Each structure stands twice: as C-alpha cells, then as structure tokens.
Amino acid sequence: FYLCGDGVSDVANNISLVAPRVMICAAHEALMVIRLLS
C-alpha cells in the first residue's frame, strides 16, 4: 500500500483544486505504478 499527496489539504475544507497540483499528485501515482510493475 502506497499513499501519494501532502496528507493534509482537503477540498472539503473549502480549499480549491488547481490543475498543476492535482496533476503532480496524479503523476506520483502513475510513477509509483510503473515503479512497482518494474
């Protein structure tokens, strides 16, 4: 089990979602998938 993100920020707390930061977290997930498969 692997967890990506900052572990703190939550859109439920009225914090906005912006494309670059969401994409960075998505890239962490995708890269971890590739690392695991490799």
PDB file of all heavy atoms in Angstrom:
ATOM      1  N   PHE A   1       0.836  -1.200   0.000  1.00  0.00           N
ATOM      2  CA  PHE A   1       0.000   0.000   0.000  1.00  0.00           C
ATOM      3  C   PHE A   1       0.871   1.250   0.000  1.00  0.00           C
ATOM      4  O   PHE A   1       1.712   1.432   0.880  1.00  0.00           O
ATOM      5  CB  PHE A   1      -0.921  -0.019   1.223  1.00  0.00           C
ATOM      6  CG  PHE A   1      -1.786   1.203   1.393  1.00  0.00           C
ATOM      7  CD1 PHE A   1      -2.243   1.924   0.301  1.00  0.00           C
ATOM      8  CD2 PHE A   1      -2.166   1.617   2.661  1.00  0.00           C
ATOM      9  CE1 PHE A   1      -3.043   3.042   0.465  1.00  0.00           C
ATOM     10  CE2 PHE A   1      -2.973   2.724   2.841  1.00  0.00           C
ATOM     11  CZ  PHE A   1      -3.410   3.444   1.743  1.00  0.00           C
ATOM     12  N   TYR A   2       0.644   2.112  -1.006  1.00  0.00           N
ATOM     13  CA  TYR A   2       1.412   3.345  -1.168  1.00  0.00           C
ATOM     14  C   TYR A   2       0.451   4.535  -1.220  1.00  0.00           C
ATOM     15  O   TYR A   2      -0.611   4.458  -1.840  1.00  0.00           O
ATOM     16  CB  TYR A   2       2.249   3.293  -2.451  1.00  0.00           C
ATOM     17  CG  TYR A   2       3.301   2.208  -2.398  1.00  0.00           C
ATOM     18  CD1 TYR A   2       2.972   0.880  -2.633  1.00  0.00           C
ATOM     19  CD2 TYR A   2       4.618   2.507  -2.073  1.00  0.00           C
ATOM     20  CE1 TYR A   2       3.923  -0.125  -2.557  1.00  0.00           C
ATOM     21  CE2 TYR A   2       5.577   1.513  -1.996  1.00  0.00           C
ATOM     22  CZ  TYR A   2       5.228   0.197  -2.236  1.00  0.00           C
ATOM     23  OH  TYR A   2       6.172  -0.785  -2.154  1.00  0.00           O
ATOM     24  N   LEU A   3       0.857   5.629  -0.578  1.00  0.00           N
ATOM     25  CA  LEU A   3      -0.004   6.804  -0.493  1.00  0.00           C
ATOM     26  C   LEU A   3       0.731   8.027  -1.039  1.00  0.00           C
ATOM     27  O   LEU A   3       1.848   8.335  -0.621  1.00  0.00           O
ATOM     28  CB  LEU A   3      -0.419   7.047   0.959  1.00  0.00           C
ATOM     29  CG  LEU A   3      -1.510   8.097   1.201  1.00  0.00           C
ATOM     30  CD1 LEU A   3      -2.824   7.684   0.541  1.00  0.00           C
ATOM     31  CD2 LEU A   3      -1.726   8.294   2.709  1.00  0.00           C
ATOM     32  N   CYS A   4       0.076   8.737  -1.957  1.00  0.00           N
ATOM     33  CA  CYS A   4       0.652   9.923  -2.585  1.00  0.00           C
ATOM     34  C   CYS A   4      -0.132  11.168  -2.176  1.00  0.00           C
ATOM     35  O   CYS A   4      -1.348  11.120  -2.006  1.00  0.00           O
ATOM     36  CB  CYS A   4       0.604   9.798  -4.109  1.00  0.00           C
ATOM     37  SG  CYS A   4       1.330   8.273  -4.763  1.00  0.00           S
ATOM     38  N   GLY A   5       0.571  12.284  -2.019  1.00  0.00           N
ATOM     39  CA  GLY A   5      -0.079  13.546  -1.682  1.00  0.00           C
ATOM     40  C   GLY A   5       0.642  14.244  -0.550  1.00  0.00           C
ATOM     41  O   GLY A   5       1.725  13.830  -0.132  1.00  0.00           O
ATOM     42  N   ASP A   6       0.023  15.320  -0.041  1.00  0.00           N
ATOM     43  CA  ASP A   6       0.630  16.019   1.094  1.00  0.00           C
ATOM     44  C   ASP A   6       0.047  15.555   2.423  1.00  0.00           C
ATOM     45  O   ASP A   6       0.543  15.926   3.490  1.00  0.00           O
ATOM     46  CB  ASP A   6       0.504  17.537   0.938  1.00  0.00           C
ATOM     47  CG  ASP A   6      -0.943  18.036   0.922  1.00  0.00           C
ATOM     48  OD1 ASP A   6      -1.819  17.383   1.501  1.00  0.00           O
ATOM     49  OD2 ASP A   6      -1.184  19.099   0.316  1.00  0.00           O
ATOM     50  N   GLY A   7      -1.035  14.755   2.357  1.00  0.00           N
ATOM     51  CA  GLY A   7      -1.629  14.198   3.562  1.00  0.00           C
ATOM     52  C   GLY A   7      -2.374  15.200   4.417  1.00  0.00           C
ATOM     53  O   GLY A   7      -2.843  14.851   5.501  1.00  0.00           O
ATOM     54  N   VAL A   8      -2.525  16.432   3.912  1.00  0.00           N
ATOM     55  CA  VAL A   8      -3.129  17.492   4.731  1.00  0.00           C
ATOM     56  C   VAL A   8      -4.286  18.176   4.024  1.00  0.00           C
ATOM     57  O   VAL A   8      -5.405  18.219   4.529  1.00  0.00           O
ATOM     58  CB  VAL A   8      -2.069  18.546   5.124  1.00  0.00           C
ATOM     59  CG1 VAL A   8      -2.720  19.671   5.922  1.00  0.00           C
ATOM     60  CG2 VAL A   8      -0.938  17.912   5.915  1.00  0.00           C
ATOM     61  N   SER A   9      -4.025  18.754   2.863  1.00  0.00           N
ATOM     62  CA  SER A   9      -5.018  19.589   2.192  1.00  0.00           C
ATOM     63  C   SER A   9      -6.229  18.775   1.749  1.00  0.00           C
ATOM     64  O   SER A   9      -6.105  17.644   1.300  1.00  0.00           O
ATOM     65  CB  SER A   9      -4.401  20.295   0.981  1.00  0.00           C
ATOM     66  OG  SER A   9      -3.971  19.354   0.021  1.00  0.00           O
ATOM     67  N   ASP A  10      -7.406  19.368   1.904  1.00  0.00           N
ATOM     68  CA  ASP A  10      -8.647  18.666   1.590  1.00  0.00           C
ATOM     69  C   ASP A  10      -9.640  19.657   0.999  1.00  0.00           C
ATOM     70  O   ASP A  10      -9.917  20.703   1.594  1.00  0.00           O
ATOM     71  CB  ASP A  10      -9.212  18.040   2.870  1.00  0.00           C
ATOM     72  CG  ASP A  10     -10.400  17.131   2.617  1.00  0.00           C
ATOM     73  OD1 ASP A  10     -10.955  17.162   1.502  1.00  0.00           O
ATOM     74  OD2 ASP A  10     -10.786  16.390   3.533  1.00  0.00           O
ATOM     75  N   VAL A  11     -10.174  19.327  -0.149  1.00  0.00           N
ATOM     76  CA  VAL A  11     -11.135  20.219  -0.798  1.00  0.00           C
ATOM     77  C   VAL A  11     -12.369  20.432   0.063  1.00  0.00           C
ATOM     78  O   VAL A  11     -13.062  21.429  -0.062  1.00  0.00           O
ATOM     79  CB  VAL A  11     -11.519  19.668  -2.195  1.00  0.00           C
ATOM     80  CG1 VAL A  11     -12.339  18.397  -2.068  1.00  0.00           C
ATOM     81  CG2 VAL A  11     -12.243  20.717  -3.011  1.00  0.00           C
ATOM     82  N   ALA A  12     -12.653  19.500   0.970  1.00  0.00           N
ATOM     83  CA  ALA A  12     -13.802  19.637   1.869  1.00  0.00           C
ATOM     84  C   ALA A  12     -13.646  20.824   2.809  1.00  0.00           C
ATOM     85  O   ALA A  12     -14.614  21.315   3.374  1.00  0.00           O
ATOM     86  CB  ALA A  12     -13.998  18.355   2.672  1.00  0.00           C
ATOM     87  N   ASN A  13     -12.416  21.293   2.973  1.00  0.00           N
ATOM     88  CA  ASN A  13     -12.162  22.454   3.841  1.00  0.00           C
ATOM     89  C   ASN A  13     -12.187  23.758   3.059  1.00  0.00           C
ATOM     90  O   ASN A  13     -11.563  24.747   3.442  1.00  0.00           O
ATOM     91  CB  ASN A  13     -10.798  22.297   4.519  1.00  0.00           C
ATOM     92  CG  ASN A  13     -10.765  21.111   5.458  1.00  0.00           C
ATOM     93  OD1 ASN A  13     -11.776  20.758   6.047  1.00  0.00           O
ATOM     94  ND2 ASN A  13      -9.615  20.479   5.584  1.00  0.00           N
ATOM     95  N   ASN A  14     -12.932  23.762   1.935  1.00  0.00           N
ATOM     96  CA  ASN A  14     -13.081  24.942   1.080  1.00  0.00           C
ATOM     97  C   ASN A  14     -11.758  25.407   0.467  1.00  0.00           C
ATOM     98  O   ASN A  14     -11.558  26.598   0.230  1.00  0.00           O
ATOM     99  CB  ASN A  14     -13.731  26.102   1.857  1.00  0.00           C
ATOM    100  CG  ASN A  14     -15.143  25.773   2.298  1.00  0.00           C
ATOM    101  OD1 ASN A  14     -15.918  25.214   1.523  1.00  0.00           O
ATOM    102  ND2 ASN A  14     -15.481  26.107   3.534  1.00  0.00           N
ATOM    103  N   ILE A  15     -10.865  24.467   0.243  1.00  0.00           N
ATOM    104  CA  ILE A  15      -9.619  24.754  -0.465  1.00  0.00           C
ATOM    105  C   ILE A  15      -9.814  24.339  -1.917  1.00  0.00           C
ATOM    106  O   ILE A  15     -10.320  23.254  -2.194  1.00  0.00           O
ATOM    107  CB  ILE A  15      -8.441  23.986   0.156  1.00  0.00           C
ATOM    108  CG1 ILE A  15      -8.316  24.313   1.644  1.00  0.00           C
ATOM    109  CG2 ILE A  15      -7.146  24.312  -0.557  1.00  0.00           C
ATOM    110  CD1 ILE A  15      -7.266  23.457   2.356  1.00  0.00           C
ATOM    111  N   SER A  16      -9.408  25.192  -2.825  1.00  0.00           N
ATOM    112  CA  SER A  16      -9.650  24.915  -4.232  1.00  0.00           C
ATOM    113  C   SER A  16      -8.718  23.835  -4.779  1.00  0.00           C
ATOM    114  O   SER A  16      -7.670  23.540  -4.209  1.00  0.00           O
ATOM    115  CB  SER A  16      -9.456  26.197  -5.047  1.00  0.00           C
ATOM    116  OG  SER A  16      -8.108  26.637  -4.935  1.00  0.00           O
ATOM    117  N   LEU A  17      -9.143  23.238  -5.884  1.00  0.00           N
ATOM    118  CA  LEU A  17      -8.320  22.308  -6.630  1.00  0.00           C
ATOM    119  C   LEU A  17      -7.809  23.027  -7.872  1.00  0.00           C
ATOM    120  O   LEU A  17      -8.586  23.625  -8.605  1.00  0.00           O
ATOM    121  CB  LEU A  17      -9.134  21.083  -7.059  1.00  0.00           C
ATOM    122  CG  LEU A  17      -9.533  20.110  -5.963  1.00  0.00           C
ATOM    123  CD1 LEU A  17     -10.581  19.137  -6.484  1.00  0.00           C
ATOM    124  CD2 LEU A  17      -8.326  19.352  -5.443  1.00  0.00           C
ATOM    125  N   VAL A  18      -6.501  22.987  -8.089  1.00  0.00           N
ATOM    126  CA  VAL A  18      -5.927  23.604  -9.279  1.00  0.00           C
ATOM    127  C   VAL A  18      -5.203  22.536 -10.088  1.00  0.00           C
ATOM    128  O   VAL A  18      -4.604  21.609  -9.532  1.00  0.00           O
ATOM    129  CB  VAL A  18      -4.967  24.757  -8.931  1.00  0.00           C
ATOM    130  CG1 VAL A  18      -5.727  25.910  -8.298  1.00  0.00           C
ATOM    131  CG2 VAL A  18      -3.858  24.290  -8.007  1.00  0.00           C
ATOM    132  N   ALA A  19      -5.276  22.663 -11.403  1.00  0.00           N
ATOM    133  CA  ALA A  19      -4.790  21.614 -12.298  1.00  0.00           C
ATOM    134  C   ALA A  19      -3.353  21.178 -12.016  1.00  0.00           C
ATOM    135  O   ALA A  19      -3.083  19.980 -11.926  1.00  0.00           O
ATOM    136  CB  ALA A  19      -4.954  22.056 -13.749  1.00  0.00           C
ATOM    137  N   PRO A  20      -2.378  22.115 -11.898  1.00  0.00           N
ATOM    138  CA  PRO A  20      -0.992  21.651 -11.750  1.00  0.00           C
ATOM    139  C   PRO A  20      -0.770  20.780 -10.518  1.00  0.00           C
ATOM    140  O   PRO A  20      -0.061  19.766 -10.597  1.00  0.00           O
ATOM    141  CB  PRO A  20      -0.186  22.956 -11.662  1.00  0.00           C
ATOM    142  CG  PRO A  20      -1.040  23.977 -12.345  1.00  0.00           C
ATOM    143  CD  PRO A  20      -2.442  23.583 -12.007  1.00  0.00           C
ATOM    144  N   ARG A  21      -1.375  21.136  -9.405  1.00  0.00           N
ATOM    145  CA  ARG A  21      -1.127  20.370  -8.178  1.00  0.00           C
ATOM    146  C   ARG A  21      -1.816  19.009  -8.229  1.00  0.00           C
ATOM    147  O   ARG A  21      -1.267  18.002  -7.764  1.00  0.00           O
ATOM    148  CB  ARG A  21      -1.574  21.166  -6.955  1.00  0.00           C
ATOM    149  CG  ARG A  21      -0.789  20.808  -5.692  1.00  0.00           C
ATOM    150  CD  ARG A  21      -0.825  21.925  -4.664  1.00  0.00           C
ATOM    151  NE  ARG A  21       0.117  21.640  -3.593  1.00  0.00           N
ATOM    152  CZ  ARG A  21      -0.192  20.962  -2.486  1.00  0.00           C
ATOM    153  NH1 ARG A  21      -1.422  20.523  -2.304  1.00  0.00           N
ATOM    154  NH2 ARG A  21       0.720  20.734  -1.560  1.00  0.00           N
ATOM    155  N   VAL A  22      -3.011  18.973  -8.800  1.00  0.00           N
ATOM    156  CA  VAL A  22      -3.691  17.689  -8.977  1.00  0.00           C
ATOM    157  C   VAL A  22      -2.888  16.800  -9.918  1.00  0.00           C
ATOM    158  O   VAL A  22      -2.713  15.602  -9.675  1.00  0.00           O
ATOM    159  CB  VAL A  22      -5.115  17.916  -9.523  1.00  0.00           C
ATOM    160  CG1 VAL A  22      -5.769  16.588  -9.882  1.00  0.00           C
ATOM    161  CG2 VAL A  22      -5.970  18.656  -8.500  1.00  0.00           C
ATOM    162  N   MET A  23      -2.360  17.389 -10.988  1.00  0.00           N
ATOM    163  CA  MET A  23      -1.575  16.618 -11.952  1.00  0.00           C
ATOM    164  C   MET A  23      -0.280  16.094 -11.341  1.00  0.00           C
ATOM    165  O   MET A  23       0.170  14.990 -11.668  1.00  0.00           O
ATOM    166  CB  MET A  23      -1.275  17.473 -13.177  1.00  0.00           C
ATOM    167  CG  MET A  23      -2.514  17.783 -14.012  1.00  0.00           C
ATOM    168  SD  MET A  23      -2.194  18.961 -15.351  1.00  0.00           S
ATOM    169  CE  MET A  23      -1.274  17.915 -16.479  1.00  0.00           C
ATOM    170  N   ILE A  24       0.313  16.876 -10.444  1.00  0.00           N
ATOM    171  CA  ILE A  24       1.539  16.423  -9.769  1.00  0.00           C
ATOM    172  C   ILE A  24       1.249  15.192  -8.924  1.00  0.00           C
ATOM    173  O   ILE A  24       2.002  14.209  -8.939  1.00  0.00           O
ATOM    174  CB  ILE A  24       2.132  17.557  -8.907  1.00  0.00           C
ATOM    175  CG1 ILE A  24       2.712  18.646  -9.806  1.00  0.00           C
ATOM    176  CG2 ILE A  24       3.200  17.026  -7.954  1.00  0.00           C
ATOM    177  CD1 ILE A  24       2.987  19.948  -9.097  1.00  0.00           C
ATOM    178  N   CYS A  25       0.135  15.214  -8.197  1.00  0.00           N
ATOM    179  CA  CYS A  25      -0.224  14.054  -7.382  1.00  0.00           C
ATOM    180  C   CYS A  25      -0.546  12.859  -8.270  1.00  0.00           C
ATOM    181  O   CYS A  25      -0.152  11.728  -7.965  1.00  0.00           O
ATOM    182  CB  CYS A  25      -1.410  14.398  -6.486  1.00  0.00           C
ATOM    183  SG  CYS A  25      -1.755  13.142  -5.220  1.00  0.00           S
ATOM    184  N   ALA A  26      -1.239  13.104  -9.368  1.00  0.00           N
ATOM    185  CA  ALA A  26      -1.547  12.030 -10.311  1.00  0.00           C
ATOM    186  C   ALA A  26      -0.262  11.435 -10.883  1.00  0.00           C
ATOM    187  O   ALA A  26      -0.156  10.211 -11.057  1.00  0.00           O
ATOM    188  CB  ALA A  26      -2.440  12.556 -11.436  1.00  0.00           C
ATOM    189  N   ALA A  27       0.709  12.300 -11.169  1.00  0.00           N
ATOM    190  CA  ALA A  27       1.991  11.809 -11.689  1.00  0.00           C
ATOM    191  C   ALA A  27       2.709  10.945 -10.657  1.00  0.00           C
ATOM    192  O   ALA A  27       3.346   9.947 -11.010  1.00  0.00           O
ATOM    193  CB  ALA A  27       2.874  12.990 -12.102  1.00  0.00           C
ATOM    194  N   HIS A  28       2.600  11.307  -9.383  1.00  0.00           N
ATOM    195  CA  HIS A  28       3.180  10.472  -8.326  1.00  0.00           C
ATOM    196  C   HIS A  28       2.546   9.084  -8.346  1.00  0.00           C
ATOM    197  O   HIS A  28       3.248   8.067  -8.237  1.00  0.00           O
ATOM    198  CB  HIS A  28       2.951  11.121  -6.959  1.00  0.00           C
ATOM    199  CG  HIS A  28       4.054  12.017  -6.516  1.00  0.00           C
ATOM    200  ND1 HIS A  28       5.050  11.603  -5.665  1.00  0.00           N
ATOM    201  CD2 HIS A  28       4.322  13.321  -6.804  1.00  0.00           C
ATOM    202  CE1 HIS A  28       5.888  12.611  -5.439  1.00  0.00           C
ATOM    203  NE2 HIS A  28       5.467  13.659  -6.125  1.00  0.00           N
ATOM    204  N   GLU A  29       1.217   9.039  -8.468  1.00  0.00           N
ATOM    205  CA  GLU A  29       0.545   7.742  -8.503  1.00  0.00           C
ATOM    206  C   GLU A  29       0.976   6.928  -9.724  1.00  0.00           C
ATOM    207  O   GLU A  29       1.289   5.737  -9.614  1.00  0.00           O
ATOM    208  CB  GLU A  29      -0.979   7.922  -8.507  1.00  0.00           C
ATOM    209  CG  GLU A  29      -1.554   8.321  -7.158  1.00  0.00           C
ATOM    210  CD  GLU A  29      -3.025   7.965  -7.023  1.00  0.00           C
ATOM    211  OE1 GLU A  29      -3.379   6.775  -7.173  1.00  0.00           O
ATOM    212  OE2 GLU A  29      -3.835   8.880  -6.765  1.00  0.00           O
ATOM    213  N   ALA A  30       0.972   7.562 -10.895  1.00  0.00           N
ATOM    214  CA  ALA A  30       1.339   6.846 -12.119  1.00  0.00           C
ATOM    215  C   ALA A  30       2.774   6.339 -12.058  1.00  0.00           C
ATOM    216  O   ALA A  30       3.062   5.201 -12.464  1.00  0.00           O
ATOM    217  CB  ALA A  30       1.138   7.760 -13.330  1.00  0.00           C
ATOM    218  N   LEU A  31       3.681   7.174 -11.558  1.00  0.00           N
ATOM    219  CA  LEU A  31       5.077   6.756 -11.467  1.00  0.00           C
ATOM    220  C   LEU A  31       5.241   5.604 -10.487  1.00  0.00           C
ATOM    221  O   LEU A  31       6.006   4.670 -10.734  1.00  0.00           O
ATOM    222  CB  LEU A  31       5.957   7.931 -11.051  1.00  0.00           C
ATOM    223  CG  LEU A  31       7.454   7.614 -10.910  1.00  0.00           C
ATOM    224  CD1 LEU A  31       8.036   7.079 -12.219  1.00  0.00           C
ATOM    225  CD2 LEU A  31       8.223   8.849 -10.440  1.00  0.00           C
ATOM    226  N   MET A  32       4.513   5.648  -9.375  1.00  0.00           N
ATOM    227  CA  MET A  32       4.605   4.553  -8.411  1.00  0.00           C
ATOM    228  C   MET A  32       4.108   3.255  -9.021  1.00  0.00           C
ATOM    229  O   MET A  32       4.673   2.177  -8.788  1.00  0.00           O
ATOM    230  CB  MET A  32       3.800   4.894  -7.147  1.00  0.00           C
ATOM    231  CG  MET A  32       4.115   3.977  -5.960  1.00  0.00           C
ATOM    232  SD  MET A  32       5.825   4.124  -5.405  1.00  0.00           S
ATOM    233  CE  MET A  32       6.463   2.483  -5.696  1.00  0.00           C
ATOM    234  N   VAL A  33       3.046   3.336  -9.821  1.00  0.00           N
ATOM    235  CA  VAL A  33       2.549   2.150 -10.521  1.00  0.00           C
ATOM    236  C   VAL A  33       3.640   1.568 -11.411  1.00  0.00           C
ATOM    237  O   VAL A  33       3.912   0.358 -11.389  1.00  0.00           O
ATOM    238  CB  VAL A  33       1.302   2.497 -11.364  1.00  0.00           C
ATOM    239  CG1 VAL A  33       0.944   1.325 -12.280  1.00  0.00           C
ATOM    240  CG2 VAL A  33       0.127   2.838 -10.469  1.00  0.00           C
ATOM    241  N   ILE A  34       4.281   2.412 -12.186  1.00  0.00           N
ATOM    242  CA  ILE A  34       5.332   1.958 -13.096  1.00  0.00           C
ATOM    243  C   ILE A  34       6.510   1.379 -12.323  1.00  0.00           C
ATOM    244  O   ILE A  34       7.076   0.346 -12.696  1.00  0.00           O
ATOM    245  CB  ILE A  34       5.776   3.110 -14.014  1.00  0.00           C
ATOM    246  CG1 ILE A  34       4.630   3.481 -14.963  1.00  0.00           C
ATOM    247  CG2 ILE A  34       7.030   2.741 -14.805  1.00  0.00           C
ATOM    248  CD1 ILE A  34       4.849   4.761 -15.732  1.00  0.00           C
ATOM    249  N   ARG A  35       6.881   2.022 -11.219  1.00  0.00           N
ATOM    250  CA  ARG A  35       7.975   1.510 -10.398  1.00  0.00           C
ATOM    251  C   ARG A  35       7.639   0.117  -9.847  1.00  0.00           C
ATOM    252  O   ARG A  35       8.476  -0.790  -9.862  1.00  0.00           O
ATOM    253  CB  ARG A  35       8.283   2.477  -9.254  1.00  0.00           C
ATOM    254  CG  ARG A  35       9.053   3.704  -9.695  1.00  0.00           C
ATOM    255  CD  ARG A  35       9.225   4.719  -8.558  1.00  0.00           C
ATOM    256  NE  ARG A  35       9.798   4.139  -7.353  1.00  0.00           N
ATOM    257  CZ  ARG A  35      11.100   3.877  -7.192  1.00  0.00           C
ATOM    258  NH1 ARG A  35      11.947   4.129  -8.177  1.00  0.00           N
ATOM    259  NH2 ARG A  35      11.547   3.376  -6.064  1.00  0.00           N
ATOM    260  N   LEU A  36       6.424  -0.050  -9.375  1.00  0.00           N
ATOM    261  CA  LEU A  36       6.022  -1.344  -8.822  1.00  0.00           C
ATOM    262  C   LEU A  36       6.033  -2.426  -9.897  1.00  0.00           C
ATOM    263  O   LEU A  36       6.526  -3.541  -9.664  1.00  0.00           O
ATOM    264  CB  LEU A  36       4.630  -1.240  -8.195  1.00  0.00           C
ATOM    265  CG  LEU A  36       4.545  -0.430  -6.903  1.00  0.00           C
ATOM    266  CD1 LEU A  36       3.093  -0.174  -6.518  1.00  0.00           C
ATOM    267  CD2 LEU A  36       5.282  -1.130  -5.767  1.00  0.00           C
ATOM    268  N   LEU A  37       5.520  -2.109 -11.056  1.00  0.00           N
ATOM    269  CA  LEU A  37       5.493  -3.093 -12.142  1.00  0.00           C
ATOM    270  C   LEU A  37       6.891  -3.418 -12.654  1.00  0.00           C
ATOM    271  O   LEU A  37       7.124  -4.510 -13.184  1.00  0.00           O
ATOM    272  CB  LEU A  37       4.615  -2.591 -13.280  1.00  0.00           C
ATOM    273  CG  LEU A  37       3.120  -2.465 -12.942  1.00  0.00           C
ATOM    274  CD1 LEU A  37       2.375  -1.804 -14.089  1.00  0.00           C
ATOM    275  CD2 LEU A  37       2.510  -3.833 -12.624  1.00  0.00           C
ATOM    276  N   SER A  38       7.818  -2.478 -12.480  1.00  0.00           N
ATOM    277  CA  SER A  38       9.188  -2.721 -12.914  1.00  0.00           C
ATOM    278  C   SER A  38      10.002  -3.479 -11.863  1.00  0.00           C
ATOM    279  O   SER A  38      11.124  -3.890 -12.117  1.00  0.00           O
ATOM    280  CB  SER A  38       9.888  -1.396 -13.216  1.00  0.00           C
ATOM    281  OG  SER A  38      10.155  -0.667 -12.019  1.00  0.00           O
TER     282      SER A  38
END
